[in-house]
PDB file of N, CA and C in Angstrom:
ATOM      1  N   MET A   1       0.857  -1.171   0.000  1.00  0.00           N
ATOM      2  CA  MET A   1       0.000   0.000   0.000  1.00  0.00           C
ATOM      3  C   MET A   1       0.901   1.230   0.000  1.00  0.00           C
ATOM      4  N   GLY A   2       0.685   2.139  -0.911  1.00  0.00           N
ATOM      5  CA  GLY A   2       1.496   3.339  -1.022  1.00  0.00           C
ATOM      6  C   GLY A   2       0.690   4.590  -0.746  1.00  0.00           C
ATOM      7  N   VAL A   3       1.395   5.682  -0.681  1.00  0.00           N
ATOM      8  CA  VAL A   3       0.770   6.982  -0.460  1.00  0.00           C
ATOM      9  C   VAL A   3       0.567   7.643  -1.804  1.00  0.00           C
ATOM     10  N   LYS A   4      -0.623   8.159  -2.056  1.00  0.00           N
ATOM     11  CA  LYS A   4      -0.903   8.861  -3.301  1.00  0.00           C
ATOM     12  C   LYS A   4      -0.884  10.357  -3.031  1.00  0.00           C
ATOM     13  N   VAL A   5      -0.078  11.080  -3.754  1.00  0.00           N
ATOM     14  CA  VAL A   5       0.056  12.524  -3.590  1.00  0.00           C
ATOM     15  C   VAL A   5      -0.809  13.229  -4.632  1.00  0.00           C
ATOM     16  N   ALA A   6      -1.447  14.313  -4.225  1.00  0.00           N
ATOM     17  CA  ALA A   6      -2.238  15.100  -5.171  1.00  0.00           C
ATOM     18  C   ALA A   6      -1.336  15.582  -6.295  1.00  0.00           C
ATOM     19  N   LYS A   7      -1.826  15.536  -7.505  1.00  0.00           N
ATOM     20  CA  LYS A   7      -1.018  15.949  -8.649  1.00  0.00           C
ATOM     21  C   LYS A   7      -0.795  17.450  -8.678  1.00  0.00           C
ATOM     22  N   ASP A   8      -1.777  18.204  -8.217  1.00  0.00           N
ATOM     23  CA  ASP A   8      -1.650  19.658  -8.225  1.00  0.00           C
ATOM     24  C   ASP A   8      -1.718  20.159  -6.786  1.00  0.00           C
ATOM     25  N   ILE A   9      -0.570  20.438  -6.208  1.00  0.00           N
ATOM     26  CA  ILE A   9      -0.522  20.922  -4.835  1.00  0.00           C
ATOM     27  C   ILE A   9      -0.515  22.451  -4.880  1.00  0.00           C
ATOM     28  N   PRO A  10      -1.548  23.081  -4.306  1.00  0.00           N
ATOM     29  CA  PRO A  10      -1.599  24.547  -4.338  1.00  0.00           C
ATOM     30  C   PRO A  10      -0.489  25.152  -3.481  1.00  0.00           C
ATOM     31  N   SER A  11       0.099  26.234  -3.947  1.00  0.00           N
ATOM     32  CA  SER A  11       1.121  26.917  -3.160  1.00  0.00           C
ATOM     33  C   SER A  11       0.465  28.027  -2.353  1.00  0.00           C
ATOM     34  N   HIS A  12       1.060  28.323  -1.224  1.00  0.00           N
ATOM     35  CA  HIS A  12       0.514  29.348  -0.334  1.00  0.00           C
ATOM     36  C   HIS A  12       1.677  30.185   0.173  1.00  0.00           C
ATOM     37  N   TYR A  13       1.596  31.476   0.046  1.00  0.00           N
ATOM     38  CA  TYR A  13       2.663  32.370   0.470  1.00  0.00           C
ATOM     39  C   TYR A  13       2.261  33.051   1.774  1.00  0.00           C
ATOM     40  N   TYR A  14       2.750  32.533   2.886  1.00  0.00           N
ATOM     41  CA  TYR A  14       2.383  33.063   4.194  1.00  0.00           C
ATOM     42  C   TYR A  14       2.901  34.477   4.416  1.00  0.00           C
ATOM     43  N   ASP A  15       3.917  34.895   3.676  1.00  0.00           N
ATOM     44  CA  ASP A  15       4.423  36.258   3.810  1.00  0.00           C
ATOM     45  C   ASP A  15       3.383  37.295   3.394  1.00  0.00           C
ATOM     46  N   TYR A  16       2.397  36.890   2.594  1.00  0.00           N
ATOM     47  CA  TYR A  16       1.368  37.814   2.131  1.00  0.00           C
ATOM     48  C   TYR A  16       0.157  37.861   3.068  1.00  0.00           C
ATOM     49  N   GLU A  17       0.151  37.033   4.092  1.00  0.00           N
ATOM     50  CA  GLU A  17      -0.965  36.993   5.034  1.00  0.00           C
ATOM     51  C   GLU A  17      -0.878  38.183   5.981  1.00  0.00           C
ATOM     52  N   HIS A  18      -2.013  38.724   6.349  1.00  0.00           N
ATOM     53  CA  HIS A  18      -2.060  39.860   7.257  1.00  0.00           C
ATOM     54  C   HIS A  18      -2.717  39.496   8.587  1.00  0.00           C
ATOM     55  N   PHE A  19      -3.342  38.326   8.659  1.00  0.00           N
ATOM     56  CA  PHE A  19      -4.002  37.899   9.885  1.00  0.00           C
ATOM     57  C   PHE A  19      -4.202  36.390   9.850  1.00  0.00           C
ATOM     58  N   SER A  20      -4.545  35.835  11.003  1.00  0.00           N
ATOM     59  CA  SER A  20      -4.891  34.426  11.135  1.00  0.00           C
ATOM     60  C   SER A  20      -6.289  34.333  11.735  1.00  0.00           C
ATOM     61  N   ILE A  21      -6.945  33.220  11.501  1.00  0.00           N
ATOM     62  CA  ILE A  21      -8.245  32.949  12.096  1.00  0.00           C
ATOM     63  C   ILE A  21      -8.036  31.850  13.135  1.00  0.00           C
ATOM     64  N   ILE A  22      -8.492  32.100  14.369  1.00  0.00           N
ATOM     65  CA  ILE A  22      -8.369  31.089  15.412  1.00  0.00           C
ATOM     66  C   ILE A  22      -9.743  30.774  15.984  1.00  0.00           C
ATOM     67  N   GLN A  23      -9.866  29.581  16.548  1.00  0.00           N
ATOM     68  CA  GLN A  23     -11.098  29.158  17.184  1.00  0.00           C
ATOM     69  C   GLN A  23     -10.709  28.371  18.426  1.00  0.00           C
ATOM     70  N   PHE A  24     -11.328  28.681  19.559  1.00  0.00           N
ATOM     71  CA  PHE A  24     -11.023  27.995  20.802  1.00  0.00           C
ATOM     72  C   PHE A  24     -11.882  26.746  20.931  1.00  0.00           C
ATOM     73  N   ILE A  25     -11.239  25.596  21.217  1.00  0.00           N
ATOM     74  CA  ILE A  25     -11.976  24.346  21.367  1.00  0.00           C
ATOM     75  C   ILE A  25     -12.211  24.001  22.833  1.00  0.00           C
ATOM     76  N   LYS A  26     -11.599  24.746  23.744  1.00  0.00           N
ATOM     77  CA  LYS A  26     -11.856  24.591  25.175  1.00  0.00           C
ATOM     78  C   LYS A  26     -11.526  25.910  25.857  1.00  0.00           C
ATOM     79  N   GLU A  27     -11.964  26.062  27.114  1.00  0.00           N
ATOM     80  CA  GLU A  27     -11.657  27.282  27.845  1.00  0.00           C
ATOM     81  C   GLU A  27     -10.145  27.435  27.965  1.00  0.00           C
ATOM     82  N   THR A  28      -9.677  28.662  27.915  1.00  0.00           N
ATOM     83  CA  THR A  28      -8.233  28.880  27.938  1.00  0.00           C
ATOM     84  C   THR A  28      -7.895  30.197  28.616  1.00  0.00           C
ATOM     85  N   ASP A  29      -6.659  30.293  29.077  1.00  0.00           N
ATOM     86  CA  ASP A  29      -6.147  31.556  29.606  1.00  0.00           C
ATOM     87  C   ASP A  29      -5.682  32.414  28.435  1.00  0.00           C
ATOM     88  N   ALA A  30      -5.527  33.697  28.681  1.00  0.00           N
ATOM     89  CA  ALA A  30      -5.054  34.619  27.648  1.00  0.00           C
ATOM     90  C   ALA A  30      -3.651  35.097  28.003  1.00  0.00           C
ATOM     91  N   TYR A  31      -2.803  35.244  26.992  1.00  0.00           N
ATOM     92  CA  TYR A  31      -1.428  35.690  27.168  1.00  0.00           C
ATOM     93  C   TYR A  31      -1.139  36.817  26.185  1.00  0.00           C
ATOM     94  N   ASN A  32      -0.256  37.724  26.559  1.00  0.00           N
ATOM     95  CA  ASN A  32       0.116  38.785  25.633  1.00  0.00           C
ATOM     96  C   ASN A  32       1.276  38.321  24.751  1.00  0.00           C
ATOM     97  N   GLU A  33       1.782  39.217  23.905  1.00  0.00           N
ATOM     98  CA  GLU A  33       2.778  38.834  22.904  1.00  0.00           C
ATOM     99  C   GLU A  33       4.103  38.381  23.493  1.00  0.00           C
ATOM    100  N   ASP A  34       4.420  38.749  24.737  1.00  0.00           N
ATOM    101  CA  ASP A  34       5.685  38.282  25.321  1.00  0.00           C
ATOM    102  C   ASP A  34       5.485  37.073  26.225  1.00  0.00           C
ATOM    103  N   GLY A  35       4.282  36.483  26.224  1.00  0.00           N
ATOM    104  CA  GLY A  35       4.021  35.255  26.954  1.00  0.00           C
ATOM    105  C   GLY A  35       3.559  35.442  28.381  1.00  0.00           C
ATOM    106  N   THR A  36       3.319  36.687  28.786  1.00  0.00           N
ATOM    107  CA  THR A  36       2.828  36.958  30.126  1.00  0.00           C
ATOM    108  C   THR A  36       1.314  36.733  30.176  1.00  0.00           C
ATOM    109  N   LYS A  37       0.879  35.989  31.190  1.00  0.00           N
ATOM    110  CA  LYS A  37      -0.555  35.711  31.329  1.00  0.00           C
ATOM    111  C   LYS A  37      -1.298  37.002  31.642  1.00  0.00           C
ATOM    112  N   ILE A  38      -2.405  37.235  30.942  1.00  0.00           N
ATOM    113  CA  ILE A  38      -3.233  38.424  31.149  1.00  0.00           C
ATOM    114  C   ILE A  38      -4.211  38.128  32.290  1.00  0.00           C
ATOM    115  N   ASP A  39      -4.275  39.027  33.258  1.00  0.00           N
ATOM    116  CA  ASP A  39      -5.163  38.849  34.405  1.00  0.00           C
ATOM    117  C   ASP A  39      -6.597  39.181  34.001  1.00  0.00           C
ATOM    118  N   LEU A  40      -7.417  38.164  33.892  1.00  0.00           N
ATOM    119  CA  LEU A  40      -8.827  38.344  33.556  1.00  0.00           C
ATOM    120  C   LEU A  40      -9.710  38.147  34.785  1.00  0.00           C
ATOM    121  N   LYS A  41      -9.115  38.336  35.971  1.00  0.00           N
ATOM    122  CA  LYS A  41      -9.831  38.243  37.253  1.00  0.00           C
ATOM    123  C   LYS A  41     -10.544  36.907  37.407  1.00  0.00           C
ATOM    124  N   GLY A  42      -9.809  35.821  37.108  1.00  0.00           N
ATOM    125  CA  GLY A  42     -10.341  34.474  37.288  1.00  0.00           C
ATOM    126  C   GLY A  42     -11.137  33.935  36.125  1.00  0.00           C
ATOM    127  N   GLN A  43     -11.470  34.762  35.164  1.00  0.00           N
ATOM    128  CA  GLN A  43     -12.230  34.288  34.010  1.00  0.00           C
ATOM    129  C   GLN A  43     -11.280  33.747  32.953  1.00  0.00           C
ATOM    130  N   LYS A  44     -11.807  32.911  32.079  1.00  0.00           N
ATOM    131  CA  LYS A  44     -11.042  32.378  30.956  1.00  0.00           C
ATOM    132  C   LYS A  44     -11.802  32.664  29.670  1.00  0.00           C
ATOM    133  N   ILE A  45     -11.113  32.594  28.570  1.00  0.00           N
ATOM    134  CA  ILE A  45     -11.786  32.704  27.278  1.00  0.00           C
ATOM    135  C   ILE A  45     -12.602  31.431  27.098  1.00  0.00           C
ATOM    136  N   ARG A  46     -13.893  31.579  26.826  1.00  0.00           N
ATOM    137  CA  ARG A  46     -14.778  30.426  26.719  1.00  0.00           C
ATOM    138  C   ARG A  46     -14.671  29.748  25.373  1.00  0.00           C
ATOM    139  N   LYS A  47     -14.921  28.445  25.405  1.00  0.00           N
ATOM    140  CA  LYS A  47     -15.074  27.705  24.151  1.00  0.00           C
ATOM    141  C   LYS A  47     -16.258  28.316  23.423  1.00  0.00           C
ATOM    142  N   GLN A  48     -16.105  28.529  22.128  1.00  0.00           N
ATOM    143  CA  GLN A  48     -17.182  29.136  21.366  1.00  0.00           C
ATOM    144  C   GLN A  48     -17.174  28.617  19.945  1.00  0.00           C
ATOM    145  N   SER A  49     -18.270  28.771  19.265  1.00  0.00           N
ATOM    146  CA  SER A  49     -18.354  28.249  17.907  1.00  0.00           C
ATOM    147  C   SER A  49     -17.877  29.267  16.879  1.00  0.00           C
ATOM    148  N   GLY A  50     -17.686  30.510  17.312  1.00  0.00           N
ATOM    149  CA  GLY A  50     -17.229  31.531  16.376  1.00  0.00           C
ATOM    150  C   GLY A  50     -15.724  31.511  16.195  1.00  0.00           C
ATOM    151  N   GLN A  51     -15.235  32.414  15.416  1.00  0.00           N
ATOM    152  CA  GLN A  51     -13.815  32.510  15.134  1.00  0.00           C
ATOM    153  C   GLN A  51     -13.338  33.923  15.424  1.00  0.00           C
ATOM    154  N   TYR A  52     -12.063  34.042  15.772  1.00  0.00           N
ATOM    155  CA  TYR A  52     -11.450  35.337  15.996  1.00  0.00           C
ATOM    156  C   TYR A  52     -10.424  35.615  14.907  1.00  0.00           C
ATOM    157  N   LYS A  53     -10.402  36.826  14.430  1.00  0.00           N
ATOM    158  CA  LYS A  53      -9.369  37.255  13.489  1.00  0.00           C
ATOM    159  C   LYS A  53      -8.266  37.897  14.316  1.00  0.00           C
ATOM    160  N   VAL A  54      -7.040  37.409  14.182  1.00  0.00           N
ATOM    161  CA  VAL A  54      -5.921  37.890  14.973  1.00  0.00           C
ATOM    162  C   VAL A  54      -4.831  38.402  14.039  1.00  0.00           C
ATOM    163  N   ASP A  55      -4.314  39.587  14.361  1.00  0.00           N
ATOM    164  CA  ASP A  55      -3.176  40.110  13.616  1.00  0.00           C
ATOM    165  C   ASP A  55      -2.152  40.623  14.619  1.00  0.00           C
ATOM    166  N   THR A  56      -1.224  41.409  14.191  1.00  0.00           N
ATOM    167  CA  THR A  56      -0.173  41.896  15.085  1.00  0.00           C
ATOM    168  C   THR A  56      -0.701  42.852  16.141  1.00  0.00           C
ATOM    169  N   ARG A  57      -1.916  43.355  15.971  1.00  0.00           N
ATOM    170  CA  ARG A  57      -2.517  44.267  16.941  1.00  0.00           C
ATOM    171  C   ARG A  57      -3.386  43.538  17.949  1.00  0.00           C
ATOM    172  N   GLY A  58      -3.651  42.248  17.772  1.00  0.00           N
ATOM    173  CA  GLY A  58      -4.487  41.488  18.691  1.00  0.00           C
ATOM    174  C   GLY A  58      -5.780  41.039  18.040  1.00  0.00           C
ATOM    175  N   ALA A  59      -6.634  40.431  18.818  1.00  0.00           N
ATOM    176  CA  ALA A  59      -7.902  39.889  18.289  1.00  0.00           C
ATOM    177  C   ALA A  59      -8.825  41.018  17.883  1.00  0.00           C
ATOM    178  N   SER A  60      -9.603  40.754  16.833  1.00  0.00           N
ATOM    179  CA  SER A  60     -10.594  41.742  16.396  1.00  0.00           C
ATOM    180  C   SER A  60     -11.914  41.053  16.107  1.00  0.00           C
TER     181      SER A  60
END
């Protein structure tokens, strides 16, 4: 049994991306860009069905 590779593999240039889309699958803590935990007074980001757009300025 062998692996079959798609004949046409689409290329993607991540250097042209301006944001990412993230979705939380479980409750989580929040951290800033240097890895320091953000104090949300005991609350966590809830699991949700929506998506967040994140760029260098933070979630929007």
